[in-house]
C-alpha cells in the first residue's frame, strides 16, 4: 500500500493529512494549534473531526474565506460539532486557550483560532 503525502501522525489523535488544503495538498500548520486541539479533545472526551485546516489562497477564495484568514497561516481549523453541542464546545475551547471559537450553527461546525 502506497502512503500518501502528509499521511503521518503529528499528535496522538491527529494526522497531518487532516489539515492539508484539499485542492493542492499543501499544508502549513502551527504546532500550537495541534497541541490545543489535543488538549480540547481530552477535555471533551470525544474525537475532533477537522473540516478545514490549511487553505491556499485559491481554495480560501473559493470557499469565501476572508483575505487575512488564519487558515492561510496554519493558525485555524474548522471542526465538526453538532448544533446542540456548539455552545458548550465553544466555552471549553476558549478555556483551553483558543482566542476565537465561532459557532456556525446551521452548518454544523465551529471555527477555532489560536494567536500568532
N, C-alpha and C. Protein backbone atom coordinates (compact mmCIF):
# COMPACT_ATOMS: atom_id res chain seq x y z
N UNK A 1 0.84 -1.18 0.00
CA UNK A 1 0.00 0.00 0.00
C UNK A 1 0.89 1.25 0.00
N UNK A 2 0.64 2.15 -0.91
CA UNK A 2 1.42 3.37 -1.03
C UNK A 2 0.90 4.41 -0.05
N UNK A 3 1.79 5.00 0.68
CA UNK A 3 1.42 6.04 1.64
C UNK A 3 1.29 7.37 0.90
N UNK A 4 0.25 8.12 1.23
CA UNK A 4 0.03 9.42 0.61
C UNK A 4 0.88 10.48 1.29
N UNK A 5 1.18 11.53 0.54
CA UNK A 5 1.93 12.65 1.09
C UNK A 5 1.15 13.22 2.29
N UNK A 6 1.83 13.64 3.28
CA UNK A 6 1.25 14.22 4.51
C UNK A 6 0.47 13.21 5.34
N UNK A 7 0.57 11.93 5.04
CA UNK A 7 -0.18 10.92 5.78
C UNK A 7 0.68 10.34 6.90
N UNK A 8 0.78 11.11 7.99
CA UNK A 8 1.51 10.62 9.16
C UNK A 8 1.01 11.34 10.40
N UNK A 9 1.13 10.65 11.53
CA UNK A 9 0.68 11.19 12.81
C UNK A 9 1.56 12.36 13.24
N UNK A 10 0.90 13.42 13.71
CA UNK A 10 1.63 14.57 14.25
C UNK A 10 1.33 14.77 15.72
N UNK A 11 0.33 14.03 16.21
CA UNK A 11 -0.06 14.05 17.61
C UNK A 11 -0.82 12.75 17.88
N UNK A 12 -1.14 12.51 19.11
CA UNK A 12 -1.82 11.25 19.44
C UNK A 12 -3.09 11.02 18.63
N UNK A 13 -3.87 12.08 18.43
CA UNK A 13 -5.17 11.93 17.78
C UNK A 13 -5.29 12.62 16.42
N UNK A 14 -4.20 13.16 15.90
CA UNK A 14 -4.29 13.90 14.64
C UNK A 14 -3.21 13.48 13.65
N UNK A 15 -3.60 13.47 12.39
CA UNK A 15 -2.74 13.13 11.27
C UNK A 15 -2.58 14.40 10.44
N UNK A 16 -1.40 14.65 9.91
CA UNK A 16 -1.16 15.87 9.13
C UNK A 16 -2.12 15.99 7.95
N UNK A 17 -2.49 14.88 7.36
CA UNK A 17 -3.36 14.91 6.18
C UNK A 17 -4.71 15.58 6.48
N UNK A 18 -5.14 15.56 7.74
CA UNK A 18 -6.40 16.18 8.12
C UNK A 18 -6.37 17.70 7.95
N UNK A 19 -5.18 18.27 7.95
CA UNK A 19 -5.02 19.72 7.91
C UNK A 19 -4.64 20.26 6.52
N UNK A 20 -4.37 19.38 5.57
CA UNK A 20 -3.88 19.84 4.26
C UNK A 20 -4.99 20.48 3.44
N UNK A 21 -4.58 21.36 2.55
CA UNK A 21 -5.52 22.02 1.64
C UNK A 21 -6.09 20.96 0.69
N UNK A 22 -7.41 20.92 0.52
CA UNK A 22 -8.00 19.89 -0.33
C UNK A 22 -7.68 20.04 -1.82
N UNK A 23 -7.31 21.24 -2.25
CA UNK A 23 -7.08 21.40 -3.70
C UNK A 23 -5.63 21.16 -4.10
N UNK A 24 -4.67 21.57 -3.28
CA UNK A 24 -3.26 21.46 -3.68
C UNK A 24 -2.45 20.54 -2.77
N UNK A 25 -3.04 20.11 -1.67
CA UNK A 25 -2.42 19.20 -0.70
C UNK A 25 -1.25 19.81 0.06
N UNK A 26 -1.08 21.13 -0.04
CA UNK A 26 -0.06 21.80 0.76
C UNK A 26 -0.59 21.95 2.18
N UNK A 27 0.33 22.13 3.11
CA UNK A 27 -0.09 22.33 4.49
C UNK A 27 0.92 23.22 5.19
N UNK A 28 0.38 24.15 5.94
CA UNK A 28 1.15 25.00 6.84
C UNK A 28 0.40 24.88 8.16
N UNK A 29 1.09 24.52 9.22
CA UNK A 29 0.41 24.22 10.47
C UNK A 29 1.23 24.67 11.66
N UNK A 30 0.65 25.52 12.47
CA UNK A 30 1.29 25.96 13.69
C UNK A 30 1.17 24.84 14.73
N UNK A 31 2.27 24.38 15.32
CA UNK A 31 2.20 23.29 16.30
C UNK A 31 1.30 23.61 17.50
N UNK A 32 1.16 24.90 17.83
CA UNK A 32 0.29 25.28 18.94
C UNK A 32 -1.16 24.92 18.66
N UNK A 33 -1.58 25.04 17.41
CA UNK A 33 -2.96 24.66 17.05
C UNK A 33 -3.19 23.18 17.36
N UNK A 34 -2.26 22.36 16.98
CA UNK A 34 -2.39 20.92 17.22
C UNK A 34 -2.39 20.61 18.71
N UNK A 35 -1.50 21.22 19.45
CA UNK A 35 -1.45 20.94 20.89
C UNK A 35 -2.72 21.39 21.59
N UNK A 36 -3.28 22.53 21.19
CA UNK A 36 -4.55 22.98 21.79
C UNK A 36 -5.70 22.05 21.40
N UNK A 37 -5.69 21.56 20.17
CA UNK A 37 -6.73 20.61 19.75
C UNK A 37 -6.62 19.31 20.56
N UNK A 38 -5.42 18.86 20.84
CA UNK A 38 -5.23 17.66 21.66
C UNK A 38 -5.79 17.87 23.06
N UNK A 39 -5.48 19.01 23.65
CA UNK A 39 -5.99 19.32 25.00
C UNK A 39 -7.50 19.39 24.99
N UNK A 40 -8.06 20.04 23.96
CA UNK A 40 -9.51 20.15 23.84
C UNK A 40 -10.15 18.78 23.71
N UNK A 41 -9.55 17.92 22.91
CA UNK A 41 -10.09 16.57 22.73
C UNK A 41 -10.10 15.81 24.06
N UNK A 42 -9.06 15.97 24.83
CA UNK A 42 -9.01 15.31 26.14
C UNK A 42 -10.10 15.84 27.06
N UNK A 43 -10.34 17.14 27.01
CA UNK A 43 -11.36 17.75 27.88
C UNK A 43 -12.77 17.31 27.51
N UNK A 44 -13.05 17.18 26.21
CA UNK A 44 -14.42 16.82 25.80
C UNK A 44 -14.61 15.31 25.69
N UNK A 45 -13.53 14.56 25.74
CA UNK A 45 -13.58 13.09 25.66
C UNK A 45 -14.31 12.57 24.43
N UNK A 46 -14.13 13.26 23.30
CA UNK A 46 -14.73 12.86 22.03
C UNK A 46 -13.74 13.16 20.90
N UNK A 47 -13.81 12.40 19.82
CA UNK A 47 -12.97 12.73 18.66
C UNK A 47 -13.29 14.12 18.12
N UNK A 48 -12.28 14.76 17.56
CA UNK A 48 -12.46 16.05 16.89
C UNK A 48 -12.18 15.82 15.42
N UNK A 49 -13.17 16.15 14.60
CA UNK A 49 -13.05 15.94 13.16
C UNK A 49 -12.79 17.28 12.49
N UNK A 50 -11.67 17.36 11.77
CA UNK A 50 -11.27 18.59 11.09
C UNK A 50 -12.00 18.68 9.75
N UNK A 51 -12.79 19.76 9.57
CA UNK A 51 -13.44 20.02 8.28
C UNK A 51 -12.52 20.81 7.36
N UNK A 52 -11.77 21.74 7.95
CA UNK A 52 -10.92 22.62 7.16
C UNK A 52 -9.73 23.04 8.01
N UNK A 53 -8.55 22.81 7.49
CA UNK A 53 -7.32 23.24 8.15
C UNK A 53 -6.68 24.32 7.32
N UNK A 54 -5.50 24.01 6.77
CA UNK A 54 -4.81 24.98 5.92
C UNK A 54 -5.57 25.18 4.61
N UNK A 55 -5.58 26.43 4.14
CA UNK A 55 -6.17 26.76 2.84
C UNK A 55 -5.18 27.60 2.05
N UNK A 56 -4.90 27.17 0.83
CA UNK A 56 -4.10 28.01 -0.06
C UNK A 56 -4.98 29.20 -0.47
N UNK A 57 -4.38 30.19 -1.08
CA UNK A 57 -5.12 31.39 -1.46
C UNK A 57 -6.30 31.05 -2.37
N UNK A 58 -6.07 30.20 -3.35
CA UNK A 58 -7.12 29.83 -4.31
C UNK A 58 -8.30 29.17 -3.59
N UNK A 59 -8.01 28.19 -2.76
CA UNK A 59 -9.09 27.49 -2.05
C UNK A 59 -9.80 28.42 -1.08
N UNK A 60 -9.05 29.27 -0.40
CA UNK A 60 -9.65 30.21 0.53
C UNK A 60 -10.65 31.12 -0.19
N UNK A 61 -10.28 31.58 -1.37
CA UNK A 61 -11.19 32.41 -2.17
C UNK A 61 -12.41 31.62 -2.61
N UNK A 62 -12.20 30.36 -3.01
CA UNK A 62 -13.31 29.52 -3.47
C UNK A 62 -14.36 29.28 -2.39
N UNK A 63 -13.92 29.18 -1.15
CA UNK A 63 -14.87 28.92 -0.06
C UNK A 63 -15.38 30.21 0.59
N UNK A 64 -14.98 31.35 0.06
CA UNK A 64 -15.44 32.63 0.60
C UNK A 64 -14.74 33.07 1.86
N UNK A 65 -13.53 32.56 2.10
CA UNK A 65 -12.76 32.96 3.28
C UNK A 65 -12.26 34.39 3.16
N UNK A 66 -12.06 35.03 4.30
CA UNK A 66 -11.56 36.40 4.30
C UNK A 66 -10.10 36.40 3.85
N UNK A 67 -9.66 37.51 3.29
CA UNK A 67 -8.30 37.61 2.74
C UNK A 67 -7.22 37.32 3.78
N UNK A 68 -7.42 37.76 5.01
CA UNK A 68 -6.42 37.56 6.06
C UNK A 68 -6.77 36.37 6.97
N UNK A 69 -7.39 35.37 6.40
CA UNK A 69 -7.82 34.18 7.14
C UNK A 69 -6.66 33.51 7.87
N UNK A 70 -6.90 33.14 9.11
CA UNK A 70 -5.90 32.40 9.89
C UNK A 70 -5.68 30.99 9.33
N UNK A 71 -6.63 30.52 8.51
CA UNK A 71 -6.43 29.23 7.84
C UNK A 71 -5.21 29.30 6.91
N UNK A 72 -4.97 30.47 6.33
CA UNK A 72 -3.85 30.65 5.39
C UNK A 72 -2.50 30.60 6.11
N UNK A 73 -2.53 30.79 7.43
CA UNK A 73 -1.31 30.81 8.23
C UNK A 73 -1.14 29.55 9.08
N UNK A 74 -2.07 28.62 8.96
CA UNK A 74 -1.99 27.41 9.78
C UNK A 74 -2.34 27.64 11.23
N UNK A 75 -3.13 28.68 11.49
CA UNK A 75 -3.49 29.04 12.86
C UNK A 75 -4.98 28.87 13.14
N UNK A 76 -5.71 28.18 12.24
CA UNK A 76 -7.14 27.98 12.43
C UNK A 76 -7.57 26.64 11.87
N UNK A 77 -8.65 26.14 12.44
CA UNK A 77 -9.27 24.91 11.94
C UNK A 77 -10.77 25.02 12.17
N UNK A 78 -11.52 24.49 11.22
CA UNK A 78 -12.96 24.33 11.40
C UNK A 78 -13.19 22.88 11.76
N UNK A 79 -13.94 22.65 12.83
CA UNK A 79 -14.16 21.29 13.31
C UNK A 79 -15.65 20.99 13.38
N UNK A 80 -15.99 19.76 13.09
CA UNK A 80 -17.39 19.33 13.05
C UNK A 80 -17.93 19.25 14.47
N UNK A 81 -19.03 19.96 14.72
CA UNK A 81 -19.70 19.93 16.02
C UNK A 81 -21.19 20.09 15.74
N UNK A 82 -22.00 19.18 16.27
CA UNK A 82 -23.44 19.30 16.04
C UNK A 82 -23.98 20.53 16.76
N UNK A 83 -25.02 21.09 16.21
CA UNK A 83 -25.55 22.37 16.68
C UNK A 83 -25.85 22.37 18.17
N UNK A 84 -26.43 21.31 18.68
CA UNK A 84 -26.83 21.27 20.09
C UNK A 84 -25.63 21.27 21.05
N UNK A 85 -24.43 20.98 20.56
CA UNK A 85 -23.25 20.93 21.43
C UNK A 85 -22.30 22.11 21.21
N UNK A 86 -22.64 23.01 20.30
CA UNK A 86 -21.70 24.06 19.93
C UNK A 86 -21.43 25.07 21.04
N UNK A 87 -22.43 25.47 21.79
CA UNK A 87 -22.21 26.47 22.85
C UNK A 87 -21.22 25.96 23.89
N UNK A 88 -21.46 24.77 24.38
CA UNK A 88 -20.58 24.19 25.39
C UNK A 88 -19.18 23.94 24.81
N UNK A 89 -19.12 23.48 23.57
CA UNK A 89 -17.84 23.24 22.90
C UNK A 89 -17.04 24.54 22.81
N UNK A 90 -17.70 25.63 22.39
CA UNK A 90 -17.01 26.92 22.26
C UNK A 90 -16.48 27.40 23.61
N UNK A 91 -17.27 27.27 24.67
CA UNK A 91 -16.82 27.66 26.01
C UNK A 91 -15.58 26.88 26.41
N UNK A 92 -15.61 25.58 26.18
CA UNK A 92 -14.47 24.73 26.54
C UNK A 92 -13.25 25.10 25.70
N UNK A 93 -13.45 25.37 24.41
CA UNK A 93 -12.33 25.75 23.53
C UNK A 93 -11.67 27.04 24.02
N UNK A 94 -12.46 28.02 24.39
CA UNK A 94 -11.90 29.28 24.87
C UNK A 94 -11.13 29.07 26.17
N UNK A 95 -11.63 28.22 27.05
CA UNK A 95 -10.93 27.90 28.30
C UNK A 95 -9.63 27.13 28.03
N UNK A 96 -9.56 26.46 26.88
CA UNK A 96 -8.38 25.69 26.51
C UNK A 96 -7.28 26.57 25.92
N UNK A 97 -7.61 27.82 25.58
CA UNK A 97 -6.60 28.74 25.07
C UNK A 97 -6.79 29.20 23.65
N UNK A 98 -7.87 28.76 22.98
CA UNK A 98 -8.15 29.31 21.65
C UNK A 98 -8.61 30.76 21.82
N UNK A 99 -8.18 31.64 20.91
CA UNK A 99 -8.58 33.04 21.04
C UNK A 99 -9.94 33.31 20.40
N UNK A 100 -10.35 32.42 19.50
CA UNK A 100 -11.67 32.52 18.89
C UNK A 100 -12.27 31.13 18.78
N UNK A 101 -13.57 31.06 19.05
CA UNK A 101 -14.36 29.85 18.85
C UNK A 101 -15.71 30.32 18.34
N UNK A 102 -15.90 30.27 17.04
CA UNK A 102 -17.09 30.82 16.40
C UNK A 102 -17.97 29.68 15.91
N UNK A 103 -19.20 29.64 16.42
CA UNK A 103 -20.15 28.58 16.04
C UNK A 103 -20.85 28.95 14.74
N UNK A 104 -20.86 28.01 13.83
CA UNK A 104 -21.65 28.11 12.59
C UNK A 104 -22.75 27.06 12.74
N UNK A 105 -23.76 27.44 13.48
CA UNK A 105 -24.78 26.51 13.96
C UNK A 105 -25.41 25.65 12.87
N UNK A 106 -26.03 26.28 11.89
CA UNK A 106 -26.74 25.53 10.86
C UNK A 106 -25.80 24.73 9.97
N UNK A 107 -24.54 25.16 9.90
CA UNK A 107 -23.58 24.48 9.03
C UNK A 107 -22.83 23.35 9.75
N UNK A 108 -23.05 23.23 11.07
CA UNK A 108 -22.54 22.10 11.82
C UNK A 108 -21.05 22.10 12.10
N UNK A 109 -20.46 23.31 12.25
CA UNK A 109 -19.05 23.34 12.60
C UNK A 109 -18.72 24.55 13.46
N UNK A 110 -17.54 24.50 14.07
CA UNK A 110 -17.02 25.60 14.89
C UNK A 110 -15.66 25.97 14.33
N UNK A 111 -15.44 27.26 14.16
CA UNK A 111 -14.14 27.79 13.71
C UNK A 111 -13.31 28.07 14.96
N UNK A 112 -12.11 27.50 15.01
CA UNK A 112 -11.19 27.70 16.13
C UNK A 112 -9.93 28.40 15.64
N UNK A 113 -9.45 29.36 16.44
CA UNK A 113 -8.22 30.09 16.10
C UNK A 113 -7.32 30.20 17.31
N UNK A 114 -6.01 30.17 17.03
CA UNK A 114 -5.02 30.46 18.06
C UNK A 114 -4.41 31.82 17.74
N UNK A 115 -3.68 32.37 18.68
CA UNK A 115 -2.95 33.62 18.41
C UNK A 115 -1.72 33.35 17.58
N UNK A 116 -1.13 34.41 17.09
CA UNK A 116 0.06 34.27 16.22
C UNK A 116 1.23 33.67 16.96
